[in-house]
Amino acid sequence: ASTPVTILSLSEDQIAQSNRTALTIPAGTYAGQEAD
């Protein structure tokens, strides 16, 4: 809300390497976020 930001997405391969659970934050959750 205070400055233009980009919230980075991880690739499928990066998520697999992390050994964590994949999660999608829907588009529009944050100001300026146009994609999931």
Full PDB file with SEQRES, HELIX, SHEET, SSBOND, CRYST1, ORIGX, SCALE, CONECT and MASTER records, all heavy atoms in Angstrom:
SEQRES   1 A   36  ALA SER THR PRO VAL THR ILE LEU SER LEU SER GLU ASP          
SEQRES   2 A   36  GLN ILE ALA GLN SER ASN ARG THR ALA LEU THR ILE PRO          
SEQRES   3 A   36  ALA GLY THR TYR ALA GLY GLN GLU ALA ASP                      
HELIX    1 AA1 GLU A   12  SER A   18  1                                   7    
CRYST1    1.000    1.000    1.000  90.00  90.00  90.00 P 1           1          
ORIGX1      1.000000  0.000000  0.000000        0.00000                         
ORIGX2      0.000000  1.000000  0.000000        0.00000                         
ORIGX3      0.000000  0.000000  1.000000        0.00000                         
SCALE1      1.000000  0.000000  0.000000        0.00000                         
SCALE2      0.000000  1.000000  0.000000        0.00000                         
SCALE3      0.000000  0.000000  1.000000        0.00000                         
ATOM      1  N   ALA A   1       0.815  -1.216   0.000  1.00  0.00           N  
ATOM      2  CA  ALA A   1       0.000   0.000   0.000  1.00  0.00           C  
ATOM      3  C   ALA A   1       0.847   1.265   0.000  1.00  0.00           C  
ATOM      4  O   ALA A   1       0.364   2.336  -0.388  1.00  0.00           O  
ATOM      5  CB  ALA A   1      -0.924   0.002   1.221  1.00  0.00           C  
ATOM      6  N   SER A   2       2.111   1.140   0.438  1.00  0.00           N  
ATOM      7  CA  SER A   2       2.939   2.332   0.592  1.00  0.00           C  
ATOM      8  C   SER A   2       3.947   2.542  -0.533  1.00  0.00           C  
ATOM      9  O   SER A   2       4.417   3.649  -0.751  1.00  0.00           O  
ATOM     10  CB  SER A   2       3.688   2.283   1.933  1.00  0.00           C  
ATOM     11  OG  SER A   2       4.529   1.144   2.002  1.00  0.00           O  
ATOM     12  N   THR A   3       4.257   1.482  -1.278  1.00  0.00           N  
ATOM     13  CA  THR A   3       5.225   1.592  -2.377  1.00  0.00           C  
ATOM     14  C   THR A   3       4.989   0.448  -3.360  1.00  0.00           C  
ATOM     15  O   THR A   3       4.553  -0.638  -2.949  1.00  0.00           O  
ATOM     16  CB  THR A   3       6.674   1.552  -1.839  1.00  0.00           C  
ATOM     17  OG1 THR A   3       7.584   1.883  -2.876  1.00  0.00           O  
ATOM     18  CG2 THR A   3       7.026   0.194  -1.273  1.00  0.00           C  
ATOM     19  N   PRO A   4       5.247   0.646  -4.650  1.00  0.00           N  
ATOM     20  CA  PRO A   4       5.045  -0.450  -5.611  1.00  0.00           C  
ATOM     21  C   PRO A   4       5.976  -1.627  -5.311  1.00  0.00           C  
ATOM     22  O   PRO A   4       7.195  -1.443  -5.177  1.00  0.00           O  
ATOM     23  CB  PRO A   4       5.387   0.200  -6.954  1.00  0.00           C  
ATOM     24  CG  PRO A   4       5.195   1.666  -6.741  1.00  0.00           C  
ATOM     25  CD  PRO A   4       5.620   1.906  -5.321  1.00  0.00           C  
ATOM     26  N   VAL A   5       5.413  -2.831  -5.196  1.00  0.00           N  
ATOM     27  CA  VAL A   5       6.223  -4.011  -4.892  1.00  0.00           C  
ATOM     28  C   VAL A   5       5.899  -5.149  -5.848  1.00  0.00           C  
ATOM     29  O   VAL A   5       4.836  -5.162  -6.486  1.00  0.00           O  
ATOM     30  CB  VAL A   5       5.996  -4.500  -3.431  1.00  0.00           C  
ATOM     31  CG1 VAL A   5       6.352  -3.412  -2.428  1.00  0.00           C  
ATOM     32  CG2 VAL A   5       4.569  -5.001  -3.229  1.00  0.00           C  
ATOM     33  N   THR A   6       6.817  -6.078  -5.925  1.00  0.00           N  
ATOM     34  CA  THR A   6       6.608  -7.337  -6.634  1.00  0.00           C  
ATOM     35  C   THR A   6       6.790  -8.463  -5.631  1.00  0.00           C  
ATOM     36  O   THR A   6       7.835  -8.534  -4.965  1.00  0.00           O  
ATOM     37  CB  THR A   6       7.620  -7.517  -7.779  1.00  0.00           C  
ATOM     38  OG1 THR A   6       7.478  -6.436  -8.711  1.00  0.00           O  
ATOM     39  CG2 THR A   6       7.399  -8.838  -8.491  1.00  0.00           C  
ATOM     40  N   ILE A   7       5.793  -9.303  -5.498  1.00  0.00           N  
ATOM     41  CA  ILE A   7       5.888 -10.463  -4.604  1.00  0.00           C  
ATOM     42  C   ILE A   7       6.219 -11.659  -5.487  1.00  0.00           C  
ATOM     43  O   ILE A   7       5.454 -12.024  -6.377  1.00  0.00           O  
ATOM     44  CB  ILE A   7       4.583 -10.662  -3.829  1.00  0.00           C  
ATOM     45  CG1 ILE A   7       4.238  -9.389  -3.051  1.00  0.00           C  
ATOM     46  CG2 ILE A   7       4.708 -11.847  -2.866  1.00  0.00           C  
ATOM     47  CD1 ILE A   7       2.840  -9.365  -2.500  1.00  0.00           C  
ATOM     48  N   LEU A   8       7.383 -12.232  -5.253  1.00  0.00           N  
ATOM     49  CA  LEU A   8       7.934 -13.228  -6.158  1.00  0.00           C  
ATOM     50  C   LEU A   8       7.219 -14.576  -6.056  1.00  0.00           C  
ATOM     51  O   LEU A   8       6.854 -15.020  -4.970  1.00  0.00           O  
ATOM     52  CB  LEU A   8       9.421 -13.429  -5.878  1.00  0.00           C  
ATOM     53  CG  LEU A   8      10.296 -12.164  -5.885  1.00  0.00           C  
ATOM     54  CD1 LEU A   8      11.749 -12.537  -5.595  1.00  0.00           C  
ATOM     55  CD2 LEU A   8      10.181 -11.420  -7.216  1.00  0.00           C  
ATOM     56  N   SER A   9       7.071 -15.216  -7.197  1.00  0.00           N  
ATOM     57  CA  SER A   9       6.584 -16.584  -7.252  1.00  0.00           C  
ATOM     58  C   SER A   9       7.767 -17.531  -7.373  1.00  0.00           C  
ATOM     59  O   SER A   9       8.829 -17.166  -7.891  1.00  0.00           O  
ATOM     60  CB  SER A   9       5.668 -16.787  -8.462  1.00  0.00           C  
ATOM     61  OG  SER A   9       4.368 -16.301  -8.211  1.00  0.00           O  
ATOM     62  N   LEU A  10       7.582 -18.752  -6.880  1.00  0.00           N  
ATOM     63  CA  LEU A  10       8.588 -19.802  -7.019  1.00  0.00           C  
ATOM     64  C   LEU A  10       8.142 -20.761  -8.115  1.00  0.00           C  
ATOM     65  O   LEU A  10       6.946 -20.961  -8.325  1.00  0.00           O  
ATOM     66  CB  LEU A  10       8.774 -20.563  -5.711  1.00  0.00           C  
ATOM     67  CG  LEU A  10       9.669 -19.928  -4.642  1.00  0.00           C  
ATOM     68  CD1 LEU A  10       9.044 -18.665  -4.071  1.00  0.00           C  
ATOM     69  CD2 LEU A  10       9.948 -20.917  -3.506  1.00  0.00           C  
ATOM     70  N   SER A  11       9.121 -21.350  -8.789  1.00  0.00           N  
ATOM     71  CA  SER A  11       8.809 -22.327  -9.826  1.00  0.00           C  
ATOM     72  C   SER A  11       8.434 -23.661  -9.181  1.00  0.00           C  
ATOM     73  O   SER A  11       8.696 -23.886  -7.993  1.00  0.00           O  
ATOM     74  CB  SER A  11      10.019 -22.526 -10.742  1.00  0.00           C  
ATOM     75  OG  SER A  11      11.084 -23.160 -10.024  1.00  0.00           O  
ATOM     76  N   GLU A  12       7.829 -24.543  -9.952  1.00  0.00           N  
ATOM     77  CA  GLU A  12       7.492 -25.877  -9.442  1.00  0.00           C  
ATOM     78  C   GLU A  12       8.730 -26.603  -8.935  1.00  0.00           C  
ATOM     79  O   GLU A  12       8.704 -27.279  -7.903  1.00  0.00           O  
ATOM     80  CB  GLU A  12       6.811 -26.702 -10.537  1.00  0.00           C  
ATOM     81  CG  GLU A  12       5.384 -26.273 -10.855  1.00  0.00           C  
ATOM     82  CD  GLU A  12       4.719 -27.216 -11.832  1.00  0.00           C  
ATOM     83  OE1 GLU A  12       5.239 -28.342 -12.026  1.00  0.00           O  
ATOM     84  OE2 GLU A  12       3.676 -26.845 -12.394  1.00  0.00           O  
ATOM     85  N   ASP A  13       9.842 -26.449  -9.663  1.00  0.00           N  
ATOM     86  CA  ASP A  13      11.081 -27.115  -9.271  1.00  0.00           C  
ATOM     87  C   ASP A  13      11.610 -26.554  -7.949  1.00  0.00           C  
ATOM     88  O   ASP A  13      12.064 -27.307  -7.082  1.00  0.00           O  
ATOM     89  CB  ASP A  13      12.138 -26.937 -10.369  1.00  0.00           C  
ATOM     90  CG  ASP A  13      13.428 -27.672 -10.039  1.00  0.00           C  
ATOM     91  OD1 ASP A  13      13.372 -28.898  -9.815  1.00  0.00           O  
ATOM     92  OD2 ASP A  13      14.484 -27.015  -9.986  1.00  0.00           O  
ATOM     93  N   GLN A  14      11.540 -25.236  -7.785  1.00  0.00           N  
ATOM     94  CA  GLN A  14      11.993 -24.621  -6.540  1.00  0.00           C  
ATOM     95  C   GLN A  14      11.136 -25.055  -5.357  1.00  0.00           C  
ATOM     96  O   GLN A  14      11.647 -25.317  -4.265  1.00  0.00           O  
ATOM     97  CB  GLN A  14      11.987 -23.093  -6.679  1.00  0.00           C  
ATOM     98  CG  GLN A  14      13.092 -22.566  -7.571  1.00  0.00           C  
ATOM     99  CD  GLN A  14      12.939 -21.079  -7.884  1.00  0.00           C  
ATOM    100  OE1 GLN A  14      11.814 -20.555  -7.946  1.00  0.00           O  
ATOM    101  NE2 GLN A  14      14.051 -20.405  -8.091  1.00  0.00           N  
ATOM    102  N   ILE A  15       9.840 -25.142  -5.578  1.00  0.00           N  
ATOM    103  CA  ILE A  15       8.941 -25.598  -4.510  1.00  0.00           C  
ATOM    104  C   ILE A  15       9.262 -27.041  -4.140  1.00  0.00           C  
ATOM    105  O   ILE A  15       9.314 -27.394  -2.959  1.00  0.00           O  
ATOM    106  CB  ILE A  15       7.472 -25.454  -4.943  1.00  0.00           C  
ATOM    107  CG1 ILE A  15       7.108 -23.964  -5.054  1.00  0.00           C  
ATOM    108  CG2 ILE A  15       6.537 -26.148  -3.955  1.00  0.00           C  
ATOM    109  CD1 ILE A  15       5.732 -23.692  -5.648  1.00  0.00           C  
ATOM    110  N   ALA A  16       9.529 -27.869  -5.136  1.00  0.00           N  
ATOM    111  CA  ALA A  16       9.871 -29.268  -4.874  1.00  0.00           C  
ATOM    112  C   ALA A  16      11.168 -29.370  -4.072  1.00  0.00           C  
ATOM    113  O   ALA A  16      11.268 -30.164  -3.127  1.00  0.00           O  
ATOM    114  CB  ALA A  16       9.995 -30.031  -6.183  1.00  0.00           C  
ATOM    115  N   GLN A  17      12.160 -28.550  -4.424  1.00  0.00           N  
ATOM    116  CA  GLN A  17      13.440 -28.575  -3.719  1.00  0.00           C  
ATOM    117  C   GLN A  17      13.318 -28.086  -2.274  1.00  0.00           C  
ATOM    118  O   GLN A  17      14.103 -28.491  -1.419  1.00  0.00           O  
ATOM    119  CB  GLN A  17      14.469 -27.709  -4.451  1.00  0.00           C  
ATOM    120  CG  GLN A  17      14.940 -28.269  -5.776  1.00  0.00           C  
ATOM    121  CD  GLN A  17      16.022 -27.394  -6.403  1.00  0.00           C  
ATOM    122  OE1 GLN A  17      17.096 -27.204  -5.837  1.00  0.00           O  
ATOM    123  NE2 GLN A  17      15.726 -26.842  -7.566  1.00  0.00           N  
ATOM    124  N   SER A  18      12.343 -27.243  -2.021  1.00  0.00           N  
ATOM    125  CA  SER A  18      12.180 -26.679  -0.675  1.00  0.00           C  
ATOM    126  C   SER A  18      11.634 -27.703   0.318  1.00  0.00           C  
ATOM    127  O   SER A  18      11.726 -27.511   1.531  1.00  0.00           O  
ATOM    128  CB  SER A  18      11.240 -25.467  -0.719  1.00  0.00           C  
ATOM    129  OG  SER A  18       9.882 -25.875  -0.888  1.00  0.00           O  
ATOM    130  N   ASN A  19      11.010 -28.776  -0.190  1.00  0.00           N  
ATOM    131  CA  ASN A  19      10.351 -29.777   0.667  1.00  0.00           C  
ATOM    132  C   ASN A  19       9.247 -29.172   1.519  1.00  0.00           C  
ATOM    133  O   ASN A  19       8.961 -29.665   2.614  1.00  0.00           O  
ATOM    134  CB  ASN A  19      11.374 -30.490   1.563  1.00  0.00           C  
ATOM    135  CG  ASN A  19      12.250 -31.437   0.775  1.00  0.00           C  
ATOM    136  OD1 ASN A  19      11.789 -32.113  -0.139  1.00  0.00           O  
ATOM    137  ND2 ASN A  19      13.531 -31.476   1.122  1.00  0.00           N  
ATOM    138  N   ARG A  20       8.638 -28.117   1.031  1.00  0.00           N  
ATOM    139  CA  ARG A  20       7.508 -27.492   1.706  1.00  0.00           C  
ATOM    140  C   ARG A  20       6.246 -27.682   0.870  1.00  0.00           C  
ATOM    141  O   ARG A  20       6.295 -28.157  -0.263  1.00  0.00           O  
ATOM    142  CB  ARG A  20       7.769 -25.996   1.939  1.00  0.00           C  
ATOM    143  CG  ARG A  20       8.910 -25.694   2.884  1.00  0.00           C  
ATOM    144  CD  ARG A  20       8.647 -26.227   4.271  1.00  0.00           C  
ATOM    145  NE  ARG A  20       9.658 -25.787   5.236  1.00  0.00           N  
ATOM    146  CZ  ARG A  20       9.828 -26.318   6.427  1.00  0.00           C  
ATOM    147  NH1 ARG A  20       9.056 -27.323   6.825  1.00  0.00           N  
ATOM    148  NH2 ARG A  20      10.769 -25.864   7.251  1.00  0.00           N  
ATOM    149  N   THR A  21       5.134 -27.291   1.428  1.00  0.00           N  
ATOM    150  CA  THR A  21       3.845 -27.450   0.765  1.00  0.00           C  
ATOM    151  C   THR A  21       3.566 -26.261  -0.147  1.00  0.00           C  
ATOM    152  O   THR A  21       3.716 -25.104   0.265  1.00  0.00           O  
ATOM    153  CB  THR A  21       2.722 -27.560   1.811  1.00  0.00           C  
ATOM    154  OG1 THR A  21       3.004 -28.657   2.685  1.00  0.00           O  
ATOM    155  CG2 THR A  21       1.369 -27.761   1.151  1.00  0.00           C  
ATOM    156  N   ALA A  22       3.184 -26.532  -1.378  1.00  0.00           N  
ATOM    157  CA  ALA A  22       2.856 -25.460  -2.320  1.00  0.00           C  
ATOM    158  C   ALA A  22       1.583 -24.742  -1.890  1.00  0.00           C  
ATOM    159  O   ALA A  22       0.665 -25.352  -1.332  1.00  0.00           O  
ATOM    160  CB  ALA A  22       2.682 -26.028  -3.722  1.00  0.00           C  
ATOM    161  N   LEU A  23       1.533 -23.443  -2.145  1.00  0.00           N  
ATOM    162  CA  LEU A  23       0.351 -22.652  -1.808  1.00  0.00           C  
ATOM    163  C   LEU A  23       0.218 -21.523  -2.827  1.00  0.00           C  
ATOM    164  O   LEU A  23       1.225 -20.948  -3.257  1.00  0.00           O  
ATOM    165  CB  LEU A  23       0.481 -22.085  -0.393  1.00  0.00           C  
ATOM    166  CG  LEU A  23      -0.730 -21.317   0.176  1.00  0.00           C  
ATOM    167  CD1 LEU A  23      -0.872 -21.559   1.683  1.00  0.00           C  
ATOM    168  CD2 LEU A  23      -0.605 -19.819  -0.075  1.00  0.00           C  
ATOM    169  N   THR A  24      -1.015 -21.214  -3.193  1.00  0.00           N  
ATOM    170  CA  THR A  24      -1.286 -20.129  -4.130  1.00  0.00           C  
ATOM    171  C   THR A  24      -1.979 -18.980  -3.420  1.00  0.00           C  
ATOM    172  O   THR A  24      -3.008 -19.168  -2.767  1.00  0.00           O  
ATOM    173  CB  THR A  24      -2.175 -20.618  -5.286  1.00  0.00           C  
ATOM    174  OG1 THR A  24      -1.497 -21.668  -5.992  1.00  0.00           O  
ATOM    175  CG2 THR A  24      -2.477 -19.479  -6.250  1.00  0.00           C  
ATOM    176  N   ILE A  25      -1.386 -17.792  -3.546  1.00  0.00           N  
ATOM    177  CA  ILE A  25      -2.016 -16.575  -3.026  1.00  0.00           C  
ATOM    178  C   ILE A  25      -2.761 -15.946  -4.201  1.00  0.00           C  
ATOM    179  O   ILE A  25      -2.140 -15.550  -5.193  1.00  0.00           O  
ATOM    180  CB  ILE A  25      -0.970 -15.589  -2.469  1.00  0.00           C  
ATOM    181  CG1 ILE A  25      -0.161 -16.248  -1.342  1.00  0.00           C  
ATOM    182  CG2 ILE A  25      -1.641 -14.313  -1.966  1.00  0.00           C  
ATOM    183  CD1 ILE A  25       0.990 -15.388  -0.822  1.00  0.00           C  
ATOM    184  N   PRO A  26      -4.078 -15.871  -4.133  1.00  0.00           N  
ATOM    185  CA  PRO A  26      -4.861 -15.410  -5.295  1.00  0.00           C  
ATOM    186  C   PRO A  26      -4.528 -13.978  -5.717  1.00  0.00           C  
ATOM    187  O   PRO A  26      -4.165 -13.129  -4.896  1.00  0.00           O  
ATOM    188  CB  PRO A  26      -6.309 -15.503  -4.795  1.00  0.00           C  
ATOM    189  CG  PRO A  26      -6.261 -16.442  -3.637  1.00  0.00           C  
ATOM    190  CD  PRO A  26      -4.935 -16.224  -2.992  1.00  0.00           C  
ATOM    191  N   ALA A  27      -4.663 -13.733  -7.015  1.00  0.00           N  
ATOM    192  CA  ALA A  27      -4.494 -12.387  -7.554  1.00  0.00           C  
ATOM    193  C   ALA A  27      -5.418 -11.421  -6.829  1.00  0.00           C  
ATOM    194  O   ALA A  27      -6.534 -11.773  -6.453  1.00  0.00           O  
ATOM    195  CB  ALA A  27      -4.795 -12.386  -9.055  1.00  0.00           C  
ATOM    196  N   GLY A  28      -4.932 -10.212  -6.608  1.00  0.00           N  
ATOM    197  CA  GLY A  28      -5.741  -9.198  -5.954  1.00  0.00           C  
ATOM    198  C   GLY A  28      -5.670  -9.213  -4.439  1.00  0.00           C  
ATOM    199  O   GLY A  28      -6.290  -8.384  -3.777  1.00  0.00           O  
ATOM    200  N   THR A  29      -4.900 -10.157  -3.872  1.00  0.00           N  
ATOM    201  CA  THR A  29      -4.771 -10.207  -2.419  1.00  0.00           C  
ATOM    202  C   THR A  29      -4.068  -8.962  -1.900  1.00  0.00           C  
ATOM    203  O   THR A  29      -4.436  -8.407  -0.857  1.00  0.00           O  
ATOM    204  CB  THR A  29      -4.000 -11.473  -1.994  1.00  0.00           C  
ATOM    205  OG1 THR A  29      -4.737 -12.629  -2.398  1.00  0.00           O  
ATOM    206  CG2 THR A  29      -3.799 -11.515  -0.482  1.00  0.00           C  
ATOM    207  N   TYR A  30      -3.050  -8.524  -2.641  1.00  0.00           N  
ATOM    208  CA  TYR A  30      -2.284  -7.333  -2.255  1.00  0.00           C  
ATOM    209  C   TYR A  30      -2.407  -6.261  -3.338  1.00  0.00           C  
ATOM    210  O   TYR A  30      -2.649  -6.571  -4.510  1.00  0.00           O  
ATOM    211  CB  TYR A  30      -0.803  -7.694  -2.046  1.00  0.00           C  
ATOM    212  CG  TYR A  30      -0.580  -8.717  -0.956  1.00  0.00           C  
ATOM    213  CD1 TYR A  30      -0.189 -10.023  -1.264  1.00  0.00           C  
ATOM    214  CD2 TYR A  30      -0.775  -8.392   0.379  1.00  0.00           C  
ATOM    215  CE1 TYR A  30       0.011 -10.971  -0.267  1.00  0.00           C  
ATOM    216  CE2 TYR A  30      -0.580  -9.333   1.386  1.00  0.00           C  
ATOM    217  CZ  TYR A  30      -0.197 -10.620   1.060  1.00  0.00           C  
ATOM    218  OH  TYR A  30      -0.008 -11.546   2.054  1.00  0.00           O  
ATOM    219  N   ALA A  31      -2.250  -5.017  -2.954  1.00  0.00           N  
ATOM    220  CA  ALA A  31      -2.333  -3.899  -3.897  1.00  0.00           C  
ATOM    221  C   ALA A  31      -1.334  -4.101  -5.035  1.00  0.00           C  
ATOM    222  O   ALA A  31      -0.157  -4.402  -4.802  1.00  0.00           O  
ATOM    223  CB  ALA A  31      -2.040  -2.582  -3.167  1.00  0.00           C  
ATOM    224  N   GLY A  32      -1.827  -3.961  -6.262  1.00  0.00           N  
ATOM    225  CA  GLY A  32      -0.966  -4.082  -7.427  1.00  0.00           C  
ATOM    226  C   GLY A  32      -0.669  -5.505  -7.855  1.00  0.00           C  
ATOM    227  O   GLY A  32       0.033  -5.721  -8.853  1.00  0.00           O  
ATOM    228  N   GLN A  33      -1.200  -6.498  -7.156  1.00  0.00           N  
ATOM    229  CA  GLN A  33      -0.943  -7.912  -7.486  1.00  0.00           C  
ATOM    230  C   GLN A  33      -1.967  -8.377  -8.519  1.00  0.00           C  
ATOM    231  O   GLN A  33      -3.109  -8.674  -8.192  1.00  0.00           O  
ATOM    232  CB  GLN A  33      -1.011  -8.782  -6.232  1.00  0.00           C  
ATOM    233  CG  GLN A  33      -0.773 -10.260  -6.510  1.00  0.00           C  
ATOM    234  CD  GLN A  33      -1.348 -11.170  -5.430  1.00  0.00           C  
ATOM    235  OE1 GLN A  33      -1.640 -10.736  -4.326  1.00  0.00           O  
ATOM    236  NE2 GLN A  33      -1.548 -12.435  -5.775  1.00  0.00           N  
ATOM    237  N   GLU A  34      -1.533  -8.491  -9.761  1.00  0.00           N  
ATOM    238  CA  GLU A  34      -2.458  -8.809 -10.849  1.00  0.00           C  
ATOM    239  C   GLU A  34      -2.535 -10.294 -11.157  1.00  0.00           C  
ATOM    240  O   GLU A  34      -3.437 -10.732 -11.886  1.00  0.00           O  
ATOM    241  CB  GLU A  34      -2.060  -8.033 -12.100  1.00  0.00           C  
ATOM    242  CG  GLU A  34      -2.156  -6.508 -11.920  1.00  0.00           C  
ATOM    243  CD  GLU A  34      -1.755  -5.749 -13.163  1.00  0.00           C  
ATOM    244  OE1 GLU A  34      -1.291  -6.398 -14.125  1.00  0.00           O  
ATOM    245  OE2 GLU A  34      -1.900  -4.514 -13.170  1.00  0.00           O  
ATOM    246  N   ALA A  35      -1.589 -11.065 -10.654  1.00  0.00           N  
ATOM    247  CA  ALA A  35      -1.582 -12.511 -10.950  1.00  0.00           C  
ATOM    248  C   ALA A  35      -1.442 -13.314  -9.655  1.00  0.00           C  
ATOM    249  O   ALA A  35      -1.029 -12.782  -8.620  1.00  0.00           O  
ATOM    250  CB  ALA A  35      -0.431 -12.847 -11.903  1.00  0.00           C  
ATOM    251  N   ASP A  36      -1.801 -14.593  -9.735  1.00  0.00           N  
ATOM    252  CA  ASP A  36      -1.607 -15.474  -8.584  1.00  0.00           C  
ATOM    253  C   ASP A  36      -0.123 -15.555  -8.232  1.00  0.00           C  
ATOM    254  O   ASP A  36       0.742 -15.453  -9.117  1.00  0.00           O  
ATOM    255  CB  ASP A  36      -2.107 -16.883  -8.893  1.00  0.00           C  
ATOM    256  CG  ASP A  36      -3.615 -16.975  -9.010  1.00  0.00           C  
ATOM    257  OD1 ASP A  36      -4.299 -15.989  -8.662  1.00  0.00           O  
ATOM    258  OD2 ASP A  36      -4.107 -18.031  -9.455  1.00  0.00           O  
TER     259      ASP A  36                                                      
MASTER        0    0    0    1    0    0    0    6  258    1    0    3          
END                                                                             
